[in-house]
Amino acid sequence: MNISTVLELKFGALMKNYETVVSSNEELNNHIEYLRRQLDELMKQKKKILTSSSGSMGKEESEKDCNPLDSSSEEEPQRRLRRE
């Protein structure tokens, strides 16, 4: 096998790796955008709940009840299982 053929094979392999990385990057960007939209929607819901909550519930209690980022100790093992 001459050096030109070896270089062509290596170049082809590098191009395939590059295309895989670009594709993965696009998928990650799409997923990030999806998560941003979800977070935006949750924040709008939280704001709506806080502004429409009755006087009997304090602001601190409202925030605790509707904060999607807070998790109880029961939810944490489930979250770890989903990641794995």
PDB file of N, CA and C in Angstrom:
ATOM      1  N   MET A   1       0.857  -1.177   0.000  1.00  0.00           N
ATOM      2  CA  MET A   1       0.000   0.000   0.000  1.00  0.00           C
ATOM      3  C   MET A   1       0.898   1.233   0.000  1.00  0.00           C
ATOM      4  N   ASN A   2       0.676   2.109  -0.945  1.00  0.00           N
ATOM      5  CA  ASN A   2       1.545   3.287  -1.004  1.00  0.00           C
ATOM      6  C   ASN A   2       1.057   4.373  -0.053  1.00  0.00           C
ATOM      7  N   ILE A   3       1.886   5.357   0.142  1.00  0.00           N
ATOM      8  CA  ILE A   3       1.610   6.414   1.112  1.00  0.00           C
ATOM      9  C   ILE A   3       0.377   7.234   0.745  1.00  0.00           C
ATOM     10  N   SER A   4       0.137   7.416  -0.530  1.00  0.00           N
ATOM     11  CA  SER A   4      -1.034   8.172  -0.977  1.00  0.00           C
ATOM     12  C   SER A   4      -2.328   7.466  -0.573  1.00  0.00           C
ATOM     13  N   THR A   5      -2.367   6.166  -0.724  1.00  0.00           N
ATOM     14  CA  THR A   5      -3.551   5.397  -0.357  1.00  0.00           C
ATOM     15  C   THR A   5      -3.779   5.444   1.153  1.00  0.00           C
ATOM     16  N   VAL A   6      -2.707   5.325   1.909  1.00  0.00           N
ATOM     17  CA  VAL A   6      -2.808   5.392   3.371  1.00  0.00           C
ATOM     18  C   VAL A   6      -3.353   6.749   3.792  1.00  0.00           C
ATOM     19  N   LEU A   7      -2.839   7.804   3.199  1.00  0.00           N
ATOM     20  CA  LEU A   7      -3.309   9.150   3.529  1.00  0.00           C
ATOM     21  C   LEU A   7      -4.782   9.326   3.166  1.00  0.00           C
ATOM     22  N   GLU A   8      -5.185   8.797   2.025  1.00  0.00           N
ATOM     23  CA  GLU A   8      -6.588   8.885   1.624  1.00  0.00           C
ATOM     24  C   GLU A   8      -7.491   8.148   2.608  1.00  0.00           C
ATOM     25  N   LEU A   9      -7.060   6.975   3.062  1.00  0.00           N
ATOM     26  CA  LEU A   9      -7.851   6.213   4.033  1.00  0.00           C
ATOM     27  C   LEU A   9      -7.952   6.958   5.361  1.00  0.00           C
ATOM     28  N   LYS A  10      -6.845   7.515   5.813  1.00  0.00           N
ATOM     29  CA  LYS A  10      -6.854   8.271   7.067  1.00  0.00           C
ATOM     30  C   LYS A  10      -7.727   9.522   6.942  1.00  0.00           C
ATOM     31  N   PHE A  11      -7.634  10.187   5.794  1.00  0.00           N
ATOM     32  CA  PHE A  11      -8.453  11.372   5.566  1.00  0.00           C
ATOM     33  C   PHE A  11      -9.937  11.004   5.580  1.00  0.00           C
ATOM     34  N   GLY A  12     -10.284   9.891   4.935  1.00  0.00           N
ATOM     35  CA  GLY A  12     -11.676   9.435   4.926  1.00  0.00           C
ATOM     36  C   GLY A  12     -12.180   9.141   6.327  1.00  0.00           C
ATOM     37  N   ALA A  13     -11.337   8.492   7.137  1.00  0.00           N
ATOM     38  CA  ALA A  13     -11.724   8.187   8.520  1.00  0.00           C
ATOM     39  C   ALA A  13     -11.906   9.470   9.318  1.00  0.00           C
ATOM     40  N   LEU A  14     -11.016  10.426   9.129  1.00  0.00           N
ATOM     41  CA  LEU A  14     -11.139  11.709   9.833  1.00  0.00           C
ATOM     42  C   LEU A  14     -12.406  12.451   9.434  1.00  0.00           C
ATOM     43  N   MET A  15     -12.748  12.418   8.160  1.00  0.00           N
ATOM     44  CA  MET A  15     -13.969  13.079   7.694  1.00  0.00           C
ATOM     45  C   MET A  15     -15.214  12.435   8.302  1.00  0.00           C
ATOM     46  N   LYS A  16     -15.219  11.101   8.413  1.00  0.00           N
ATOM     47  CA  LYS A  16     -16.354  10.416   9.039  1.00  0.00           C
ATOM     48  C   LYS A  16     -16.467  10.824  10.505  1.00  0.00           C
ATOM     49  N   ASN A  17     -15.331  10.889  11.205  1.00  0.00           N
ATOM     50  CA  ASN A  17     -15.343  11.322  12.610  1.00  0.00           C
ATOM     51  C   ASN A  17     -15.856  12.749  12.739  1.00  0.00           C
ATOM     52  N   TYR A  18     -15.423  13.612  11.840  1.00  0.00           N
ATOM     53  CA  TYR A  18     -15.860  15.005  11.849  1.00  0.00           C
ATOM     54  C   TYR A  18     -17.374  15.097  11.649  1.00  0.00           C
ATOM     55  N   GLU A  19     -17.898  14.339  10.687  1.00  0.00           N
ATOM     56  CA  GLU A  19     -19.343  14.361  10.422  1.00  0.00           C
ATOM     57  C   GLU A  19     -20.126  13.853  11.624  1.00  0.00           C
ATOM     58  N   THR A  20     -19.588  12.850  12.312  1.00  0.00           N
ATOM     59  CA  THR A  20     -20.239  12.327  13.512  1.00  0.00           C
ATOM     60  C   THR A  20     -20.278  13.390  14.610  1.00  0.00           C
ATOM     61  N   VAL A  21     -19.170  14.099  14.787  1.00  0.00           N
ATOM     62  CA  VAL A  21     -19.106  15.149  15.810  1.00  0.00           C
ATOM     63  C   VAL A  21     -20.082  16.274  15.482  1.00  0.00           C
ATOM     64  N   VAL A  22     -20.137  16.682  14.228  1.00  0.00           N
ATOM     65  CA  VAL A  22     -21.052  17.759  13.819  1.00  0.00           C
ATOM     66  C   VAL A  22     -22.499  17.334  14.060  1.00  0.00           C
ATOM     67  N   SER A  23     -22.816  16.098  13.715  1.00  0.00           N
ATOM     68  CA  SER A  23     -24.175  15.594  13.919  1.00  0.00           C
ATOM     69  C   SER A  23     -24.528  15.564  15.405  1.00  0.00           C
ATOM     70  N   SER A  24     -23.589  15.099  16.222  1.00  0.00           N
ATOM     71  CA  SER A  24     -23.825  15.057  17.670  1.00  0.00           C
ATOM     72  C   SER A  24     -24.016  16.458  18.230  1.00  0.00           C
ATOM     73  N   ASN A  25     -23.234  17.412  17.730  1.00  0.00           N
ATOM     74  CA  ASN A  25     -23.337  18.793  18.180  1.00  0.00           C
ATOM     75  C   ASN A  25     -24.707  19.365  17.841  1.00  0.00           C
ATOM     76  N   GLU A  26     -25.213  19.066  16.643  1.00  0.00           N
ATOM     77  CA  GLU A  26     -26.539  19.548  16.258  1.00  0.00           C
ATOM     78  C   GLU A  26     -27.617  18.945  17.154  1.00  0.00           C
ATOM     79  N   GLU A  27     -27.483  17.663  17.478  1.00  0.00           N
ATOM     80  CA  GLU A  27     -28.450  17.016  18.369  1.00  0.00           C
ATOM     81  C   GLU A  27     -28.421  17.655  19.747  1.00  0.00           C
ATOM     82  N   LEU A  28     -27.222  17.937  20.252  1.00  0.00           N
ATOM     83  CA  LEU A  28     -27.105  18.580  21.556  1.00  0.00           C
ATOM     84  C   LEU A  28     -27.724  19.975  21.536  1.00  0.00           C
ATOM     85  N   ASN A  29     -27.475  20.729  20.475  1.00  0.00           N
ATOM     86  CA  ASN A  29     -28.070  22.068  20.368  1.00  0.00           C
ATOM     87  C   ASN A  29     -29.590  21.993  20.319  1.00  0.00           C
ATOM     88  N   ASN A  30     -30.125  21.023  19.607  1.00  0.00           N
ATOM     89  CA  ASN A  30     -31.581  20.848  19.561  1.00  0.00           C
ATOM     90  C   ASN A  30     -32.127  20.506  20.943  1.00  0.00           C
ATOM     91  N   HIS A  31     -31.421  19.652  21.661  1.00  0.00           N
ATOM     92  CA  HIS A  31     -31.872  19.259  23.000  1.00  0.00           C
ATOM     93  C   HIS A  31     -31.802  20.451  23.962  1.00  0.00           C
ATOM     94  N   ILE A  32     -30.746  21.234  23.857  1.00  0.00           N
ATOM     95  CA  ILE A  32     -30.619  22.426  24.707  1.00  0.00           C
ATOM     96  C   ILE A  32     -31.762  23.394  24.429  1.00  0.00           C
ATOM     97  N   GLU A  33     -32.084  23.604  23.172  1.00  0.00           N
ATOM     98  CA  GLU A  33     -33.180  24.505  22.817  1.00  0.00           C
ATOM     99  C   GLU A  33     -34.508  23.985  23.361  1.00  0.00           C
ATOM    100  N   TYR A  34     -34.729  22.687  23.290  1.00  0.00           N
ATOM    101  CA  TYR A  34     -35.941  22.079  23.837  1.00  0.00           C
ATOM    102  C   TYR A  34     -36.013  22.330  25.346  1.00  0.00           C
ATOM    103  N   LEU A  35     -34.897  22.116  26.042  1.00  0.00           N
ATOM    104  CA  LEU A  35     -34.877  22.332  27.492  1.00  0.00           C
ATOM    105  C   LEU A  35     -35.106  23.803  27.841  1.00  0.00           C
ATOM    106  N   ARG A  36     -34.566  24.710  27.032  1.00  0.00           N
ATOM    107  CA  ARG A  36     -34.809  26.145  27.259  1.00  0.00           C
ATOM    108  C   ARG A  36     -36.296  26.475  27.152  1.00  0.00           C
ATOM    109  N   ARG A  37     -36.944  25.911  26.134  1.00  0.00           N
ATOM    110  CA  ARG A  37     -38.384  26.166  25.969  1.00  0.00           C
ATOM    111  C   ARG A  37     -39.169  25.591  27.151  1.00  0.00           C
ATOM    112  N   GLN A  38     -38.778  24.405  27.607  1.00  0.00           N
ATOM    113  CA  GLN A  38     -39.454  23.802  28.752  1.00  0.00           C
ATOM    114  C   GLN A  38     -39.275  24.664  30.004  1.00  0.00           C
ATOM    115  N   LEU A  39     -38.058  25.133  30.227  1.00  0.00           N
ATOM    116  CA  LEU A  39     -37.787  25.977  31.383  1.00  0.00           C
ATOM    117  C   LEU A  39     -38.572  27.278  31.298  1.00  0.00           C
ATOM    118  N   ASP A  40     -38.619  27.861  30.117  1.00  0.00           N
ATOM    119  CA  ASP A  40     -39.387  29.092  29.911  1.00  0.00           C
ATOM    120  C   ASP A  40     -40.855  28.871  30.250  1.00  0.00           C
ATOM    121  N   GLU A  41     -41.411  27.760  29.795  1.00  0.00           N
ATOM    122  CA  GLU A  41     -42.813  27.447  30.075  1.00  0.00           C
ATOM    123  C   GLU A  41     -43.047  27.252  31.574  1.00  0.00           C
ATOM    124  N   LEU A  42     -42.137  26.559  32.240  1.00  0.00           N
ATOM    125  CA  LEU A  42     -42.271  26.356  33.688  1.00  0.00           C
ATOM    126  C   LEU A  42     -42.179  27.677  34.442  1.00  0.00           C
ATOM    127  N   MET A  43     -41.291  28.554  34.008  1.00  0.00           N
ATOM    128  CA  MET A  43     -41.168  29.851  34.674  1.00  0.00           C
ATOM    129  C   MET A  43     -42.430  30.691  34.470  1.00  0.00           C
ATOM    130  N   LYS A  44     -43.028  30.622  33.283  1.00  0.00           N
ATOM    131  CA  LYS A  44     -44.288  31.342  33.043  1.00  0.00           C
ATOM    132  C   LYS A  44     -45.392  30.797  33.943  1.00  0.00           C
ATOM    133  N   GLN A  45     -45.453  29.473  34.083  1.00  0.00           N
ATOM    134  CA  GLN A  45     -46.466  28.871  34.953  1.00  0.00           C
ATOM    135  C   GLN A  45     -46.244  29.293  36.397  1.00  0.00           C
ATOM    136  N   LYS A  46     -44.985  29.300  36.823  1.00  0.00           N
ATOM    137  CA  LYS A  46     -44.676  29.702  38.200  1.00  0.00           C
ATOM    138  C   LYS A  46     -45.098  31.149  38.431  1.00  0.00           C
ATOM    139  N   LYS A  47     -44.774  32.029  37.482  1.00  0.00           N
ATOM    140  CA  LYS A  47     -45.141  33.434  37.614  1.00  0.00           C
ATOM    141  C   LYS A  47     -46.658  33.587  37.688  1.00  0.00           C
ATOM    142  N   LYS A  48     -47.362  32.833  36.858  1.00  0.00           N
ATOM    143  CA  LYS A  48     -48.817  32.892  36.846  1.00  0.00           C
ATOM    144  C   LYS A  48     -49.388  32.436  38.192  1.00  0.00           C
ATOM    145  N   ILE A  49     -48.830  31.372  38.731  1.00  0.00           N
ATOM    146  CA  ILE A  49     -49.288  30.852  40.029  1.00  0.00           C
ATOM    147  C   ILE A  49     -49.008  31.867  41.129  1.00  0.00           C
ATOM    148  N   LEU A  50     -47.814  32.446  41.102  1.00  0.00           N
ATOM    149  CA  LEU A  50     -47.457  33.412  42.144  1.00  0.00           C
ATOM    150  C   LEU A  50     -48.316  34.662  42.084  1.00  0.00           C
ATOM    151  N   THR A  51     -48.634  35.126  40.887  1.00  0.00           N
ATOM    152  CA  THR A  51     -49.431  36.351  40.779  1.00  0.00           C
ATOM    153  C   THR A  51     -50.906  36.101  41.049  1.00  0.00           C
ATOM    154  N   SER A  52     -51.361  34.856  40.860  1.00  0.00           N
ATOM    155  CA  SER A  52     -52.778  34.578  41.074  1.00  0.00           C
ATOM    156  C   SER A  52     -53.044  33.857  42.388  1.00  0.00           C
ATOM    157  N   SER A  53     -52.012  33.650  43.200  1.00  0.00           N
ATOM    158  CA  SER A  53     -52.229  32.927  44.458  1.00  0.00           C
ATOM    159  C   SER A  53     -53.030  33.779  45.429  1.00  0.00           C
ATOM    160  N   SER A  54     -53.793  33.112  46.260  1.00  0.00           N
ATOM    161  CA  SER A  54     -54.640  33.830  47.219  1.00  0.00           C
ATOM    162  C   SER A  54     -53.801  34.372  48.362  1.00  0.00           C
ATOM    163  N   GLY A  55     -54.370  35.275  49.131  1.00  0.00           N
ATOM    164  CA  GLY A  55     -53.667  35.891  50.250  1.00  0.00           C
ATOM    165  C   GLY A  55     -53.393  34.916  51.375  1.00  0.00           C
ATOM    166  N   SER A  56     -54.089  33.773  51.399  1.00  0.00           N
ATOM    167  CA  SER A  56     -53.895  32.824  52.493  1.00  0.00           C
ATOM    168  C   SER A  56     -52.563  32.081  52.381  1.00  0.00           C
ATOM    169  N   MET A  57     -51.991  32.044  51.180  1.00  0.00           N
ATOM    170  CA  MET A  57     -50.730  31.357  50.996  1.00  0.00           C
ATOM    171  C   MET A  57     -49.638  32.398  50.805  1.00  0.00           C
ATOM    172  N   GLY A  58     -48.598  32.313  51.600  1.00  0.00           N
ATOM    173  CA  GLY A  58     -47.495  33.265  51.495  1.00  0.00           C
ATOM    174  C   GLY A  58     -46.672  33.015  50.244  1.00  0.00           C
ATOM    175  N   LYS A  59     -45.926  34.019  49.847  1.00  0.00           N
ATOM    176  CA  LYS A  59     -45.101  33.914  48.643  1.00  0.00           C
ATOM    177  C   LYS A  59     -44.072  32.803  48.783  1.00  0.00           C
ATOM    178  N   GLU A  60     -43.481  32.680  49.965  1.00  0.00           N
ATOM    179  CA  GLU A  60     -42.458  31.657  50.181  1.00  0.00           C
ATOM    180  C   GLU A  60     -43.041  30.263  50.006  1.00  0.00           C
ATOM    181  N   GLU A  61     -44.242  30.020  50.541  1.00  0.00           N
ATOM    182  CA  GLU A  61     -44.882  28.716  50.385  1.00  0.00           C
ATOM    183  C   GLU A  61     -45.226  28.450  48.929  1.00  0.00           C
ATOM    184  N   SER A  62     -45.682  29.478  48.206  1.00  0.00           N
ATOM    185  CA  SER A  62     -46.021  29.322  46.795  1.00  0.00           C
ATOM    186  C   SER A  62     -44.804  28.918  45.987  1.00  0.00           C
ATOM    187  N   GLU A  63     -43.681  29.585  46.249  1.00  0.00           N
ATOM    188  CA  GLU A  63     -42.460  29.281  45.512  1.00  0.00           C
ATOM    189  C   GLU A  63     -42.001  27.858  45.771  1.00  0.00           C
ATOM    190  N   LYS A  64     -42.133  27.418  47.028  1.00  0.00           N
ATOM    191  CA  LYS A  64     -41.706  26.071  47.367  1.00  0.00           C
ATOM    192  C   LYS A  64     -42.580  25.031  46.665  1.00  0.00           C
ATOM    193  N   ASP A  65     -43.871  25.297  46.580  1.00  0.00           N
ATOM    194  CA  ASP A  65     -44.798  24.340  45.976  1.00  0.00           C
ATOM    195  C   ASP A  65     -44.642  24.228  44.475  1.00  0.00           C
ATOM    196  N   CYS A  66     -44.261  25.292  43.788  1.00  0.00           N
ATOM    197  CA  CYS A  66     -44.248  25.246  42.328  1.00  0.00           C
ATOM    198  C   CYS A  66     -42.855  25.341  41.726  1.00  0.00           C
ATOM    199  N   ASN A  67     -41.812  25.240  42.531  1.00  0.00           N
ATOM    200  CA  ASN A  67     -40.452  25.304  42.003  1.00  0.00           C
ATOM    201  C   ASN A  67     -40.071  23.960  41.396  1.00  0.00           C
ATOM    202  N   PRO A  68     -39.925  23.876  40.069  1.00  0.00           N
ATOM    203  CA  PRO A  68     -39.608  22.598  39.423  1.00  0.00           C
ATOM    204  C   PRO A  68     -38.195  22.120  39.693  1.00  0.00           C
ATOM    205  N   LEU A  69     -37.336  22.995  40.201  1.00  0.00           N
ATOM    206  CA  LEU A  69     -35.959  22.601  40.447  1.00  0.00           C
ATOM    207  C   LEU A  69     -35.759  22.015  41.836  1.00  0.00           C
ATOM    208  N   ASP A  70     -36.709  22.273  42.749  1.00  0.00           N
ATOM    209  CA  ASP A  70     -36.633  21.653  44.068  1.00  0.00           C
ATOM    210  C   ASP A  70     -37.024  20.194  43.946  1.00  0.00           C
ATOM    211  N   SER A  71     -36.342  19.347  44.706  1.00  0.00           N
ATOM    212  CA  SER A  71     -36.718  17.940  44.682  1.00  0.00           C
ATOM    213  C   SER A  71     -36.697  17.397  46.101  1.00  0.00           C
ATOM    214  N   SER A  72     -37.600  16.498  46.362  1.00  0.00           N
ATOM    215  CA  SER A  72     -37.618  15.861  47.669  1.00  0.00           C
ATOM    216  C   SER A  72     -36.616  14.725  47.672  1.00  0.00           C
ATOM    217  N   SER A  73     -36.338  14.199  48.850  1.00  0.00           N
ATOM    218  CA  SER A  73     -35.379  13.101  48.937  1.00  0.00           C
ATOM    219  C   SER A  73     -35.909  11.850  48.250  1.00  0.00           C
ATOM    220  N   GLU A  74     -37.236  11.729  48.127  1.00  0.00           N
ATOM    221  CA  GLU A  74     -37.817  10.572  47.447  1.00  0.00           C
ATOM    222  C   GLU A  74     -37.585  10.617  45.950  1.00  0.00           C
ATOM    223  N   GLU A  75     -37.528  11.810  45.364  1.00  0.00           N
ATOM    224  CA  GLU A  75     -37.356  11.941  43.922  1.00  0.00           C
ATOM    225  C   GLU A  75     -35.916  11.741  43.486  1.00  0.00           C
ATOM    226  N   GLU A  76     -34.959  11.965  44.372  1.00  0.00           N
ATOM    227  CA  GLU A  76     -33.547  11.918  43.999  1.00  0.00           C
ATOM    228  C   GLU A  76     -33.107  10.551  43.488  1.00  0.00           C
ATOM    229  N   PRO A  77     -33.468   9.434  44.126  1.00  0.00           N
ATOM    230  CA  PRO A  77     -33.045   8.136  43.563  1.00  0.00           C
ATOM    231  C   PRO A  77     -33.624   7.893  42.172  1.00  0.00           C
ATOM    232  N   GLN A  78     -34.853   8.320  41.937  1.00  0.00           N
ATOM    233  CA  GLN A  78     -35.448   8.151  40.607  1.00  0.00           C
ATOM    234  C   GLN A  78     -34.683   8.949  39.574  1.00  0.00           C
ATOM    235  N   ARG A  79     -34.278  10.152  39.932  1.00  0.00           N
ATOM    236  CA  ARG A  79     -33.550  11.012  39.015  1.00  0.00           C
ATOM    237  C   ARG A  79     -32.209  10.350  38.658  1.00  0.00           C
ATOM    238  N   ARG A  80     -31.528   9.762  39.653  1.00  0.00           N
ATOM    239  CA  ARG A  80     -30.250   9.095  39.389  1.00  0.00           C
ATOM    240  C   ARG A  80     -30.444   7.882  38.481  1.00  0.00           C
ATOM    241  N   LEU A  81     -31.519   7.140  38.707  1.00  0.00           N
ATOM    242  CA  LEU A  81     -31.766   5.958  37.876  1.00  0.00           C
ATOM    243  C   LEU A  81     -31.987   6.340  36.437  1.00  0.00           C
ATOM    244  N   ARG A  82     -32.707   7.435  36.203  1.00  0.00           N
ATOM    245  CA  ARG A  82     -32.981   7.867  34.830  1.00  0.00           C
ATOM    246  C   ARG A  82     -31.701   8.266  34.122  1.00  0.00           C
ATOM    247  N   ARG A  83     -30.758   8.897  34.841  1.00  0.00           N
ATOM    248  CA  ARG A  83     -29.503   9.304  34.226  1.00  0.00           C
ATOM    249  C   ARG A  83     -28.674   8.092  33.825  1.00  0.00           C
ATOM    250  N   GLU A  84     -28.671   7.069  34.696  1.00  0.00           N
ATOM    251  CA  GLU A  84     -27.862   5.891  34.420  1.00  0.00           C
ATOM    252  C   GLU A  84     -28.456   5.122  33.284  1.00  0.00           C
TER     253      GLU A  84
END
